[in-house]
Amino acid sequence: MKIRTGFVSNSSSSSFVIKNKKTTAQIAKIMVNIIEEDYKDDGHKGSIWYDKAMDWLALNLDYDKPIIIP
């Protein structure tokens, strides 16, 4: 996950705005839930990594360093 604090023009990455102060793990948990719901909406039963990712995120909500979840 890229974290940017200023304006970036001509960026090829997706952008979103976070209104409340949240840790990287809290943001990742929200994003993983959204991805999983989209995946299920496409007719899939659920991804293999979802439970493992959510378990780790639940135990590390104060984690504030960049993390990568496949």
C-alpha atoms as a PDB file:
ATOM      1  CA  MET A   1       0.000   0.000   0.000  1.00  0.00           C
ATOM      2  CA  LYS A   2       1.379   3.376  -0.954  1.00  0.00           C
ATOM      3  CA  ILE A   3       0.827   6.150   1.537  1.00  0.00           C
ATOM      4  CA  ARG A   4       0.900   9.675   0.193  1.00  0.00           C
ATOM      5  CA  THR A   5       0.410  12.820   2.173  1.00  0.00           C
ATOM      6  CA  GLY A   6       0.420  15.327  -0.664  1.00  0.00           C
ATOM      7  CA  PHE A   7      -1.036  15.817  -4.114  1.00  0.00           C
ATOM      8  CA  VAL A   8       0.298  13.534  -6.844  1.00  0.00           C
ATOM      9  CA  SER A   9      -0.457  14.327 -10.464  1.00  0.00           C
ATOM     10  CA  ASN A  10      -0.322  11.827 -13.311  1.00  0.00           C
ATOM     11  CA  SER A  11      -0.222   8.862 -10.941  1.00  0.00           C
ATOM     12  CA  SER A  12      -1.010   5.399 -12.290  1.00  0.00           C
ATOM     13  CA  SER A  13      -2.052   4.059  -8.885  1.00  0.00           C
ATOM     14  CA  SER A  14      -5.569   4.170  -7.446  1.00  0.00           C
ATOM     15  CA  SER A  15      -6.382   6.919  -4.983  1.00  0.00           C
ATOM     16  CA  PHE A  16      -8.706   7.270  -2.032  1.00  0.00           C
ATOM     17  CA  VAL A  17      -9.166   9.689   0.836  1.00  0.00           C
ATOM     18  CA  ILE A  18      -9.127   8.651   4.495  1.00  0.00           C
ATOM     19  CA  LYS A  19     -10.992  11.139   6.663  1.00  0.00           C
ATOM     20  CA  ASN A  20     -10.288   9.797  10.152  1.00  0.00           C
ATOM     21  CA  LYS A  21      -6.893   8.968  11.608  1.00  0.00           C
ATOM     22  CA  LYS A  22      -6.460   5.239  11.191  1.00  0.00           C
ATOM     23  CA  THR A  23      -3.497   2.895  11.293  1.00  0.00           C
ATOM     24  CA  THR A  24      -2.298   1.055   8.209  1.00  0.00           C
ATOM     25  CA  ALA A  25      -3.760  -2.196   9.581  1.00  0.00           C
ATOM     26  CA  GLN A  26      -7.165  -0.601  10.206  1.00  0.00           C
ATOM     27  CA  ILE A  27      -7.249   0.709   6.636  1.00  0.00           C
ATOM     28  CA  ALA A  28      -6.116  -2.671   5.285  1.00  0.00           C
ATOM     29  CA  LYS A  29      -8.913  -4.415   7.207  1.00  0.00           C
ATOM     30  CA  ILE A  30     -11.504  -2.134   5.614  1.00  0.00           C
ATOM     31  CA  MET A  31     -10.005  -2.666   2.154  1.00  0.00           C
ATOM     32  CA  VAL A  32      -9.788  -6.465   2.549  1.00  0.00           C
ATOM     33  CA  ASN A  33     -13.479  -6.555   3.509  1.00  0.00           C
ATOM     34  CA  ILE A  34     -14.420  -4.526   0.432  1.00  0.00           C
ATOM     35  CA  ILE A  35     -12.325  -6.746  -1.863  1.00  0.00           C
ATOM     36  CA  GLU A  36     -13.818  -9.905  -0.353  1.00  0.00           C
ATOM     37  CA  GLU A  37     -17.384  -8.627  -0.788  1.00  0.00           C
ATOM     38  CA  ASP A  38     -16.676  -7.753  -4.437  1.00  0.00           C
ATOM     39  CA  TYR A  39     -15.184 -11.212  -4.927  1.00  0.00           C
ATOM     40  CA  LYS A  40     -18.296 -12.862  -3.472  1.00  0.00           C
ATOM     41  CA  ASP A  41     -20.567 -10.596  -5.533  1.00  0.00           C
ATOM     42  CA  ASP A  42     -18.863 -12.028  -8.626  1.00  0.00           C
ATOM     43  CA  GLY A  43     -20.164 -15.480  -7.655  1.00  0.00           C
ATOM     44  CA  HIS A  44     -17.129 -16.863  -5.810  1.00  0.00           C
ATOM     45  CA  LYS A  45     -17.405 -18.613  -2.441  1.00  0.00           C
ATOM     46  CA  GLY A  46     -14.585 -16.604  -0.893  1.00  0.00           C
ATOM     47  CA  SER A  47     -10.857 -16.182  -1.219  1.00  0.00           C
ATOM     48  CA  ILE A  48      -8.343 -18.508   0.431  1.00  0.00           C
ATOM     49  CA  TRP A  49      -6.297 -15.739   2.052  1.00  0.00           C
ATOM     50  CA  TYR A  50      -9.199 -13.769   3.553  1.00  0.00           C
ATOM     51  CA  ASP A  51      -9.433 -15.537   6.940  1.00  0.00           C
ATOM     52  CA  LYS A  52      -5.677 -15.523   7.451  1.00  0.00           C
ATOM     53  CA  ALA A  53      -5.415 -11.823   6.560  1.00  0.00           C
ATOM     54  CA  MET A  54      -8.330 -10.851   8.802  1.00  0.00           C
ATOM     55  CA  ASP A  55      -6.932 -12.861  11.728  1.00  0.00           C
ATOM     56  CA  TRP A  56      -3.570 -11.096  11.431  1.00  0.00           C
ATOM     57  CA  LEU A  57      -5.166  -7.671  11.044  1.00  0.00           C
ATOM     58  CA  ALA A  58      -7.436  -8.224  14.073  1.00  0.00           C
ATOM     59  CA  LEU A  59      -4.384  -8.975  16.214  1.00  0.00           C
ATOM     60  CA  ASN A  60      -2.360  -6.051  14.833  1.00  0.00           C
ATOM     61  CA  LEU A  61      -4.766  -3.119  14.525  1.00  0.00           C
ATOM     62  CA  ASP A  62      -2.143  -0.777  15.971  1.00  0.00           C
ATOM     63  CA  TYR A  63       0.354  -1.751  13.214  1.00  0.00           C
ATOM     64  CA  ASP A  64       1.196   1.445  11.373  1.00  0.00           C
ATOM     65  CA  LYS A  65       3.970   0.435   8.968  1.00  0.00           C
ATOM     66  CA  PRO A  66       3.292  -0.263   5.275  1.00  0.00           C
ATOM     67  CA  ILE A  67       1.959  -3.788   4.722  1.00  0.00           C
ATOM     68  CA  ILE A  68       1.185  -5.831   1.625  1.00  0.00           C
ATOM     69  CA  ILE A  69      -1.758  -8.216   1.452  1.00  0.00           C
ATOM     70  CA  PRO A  70      -1.999 -10.184  -1.810  1.00  0.00           C
END
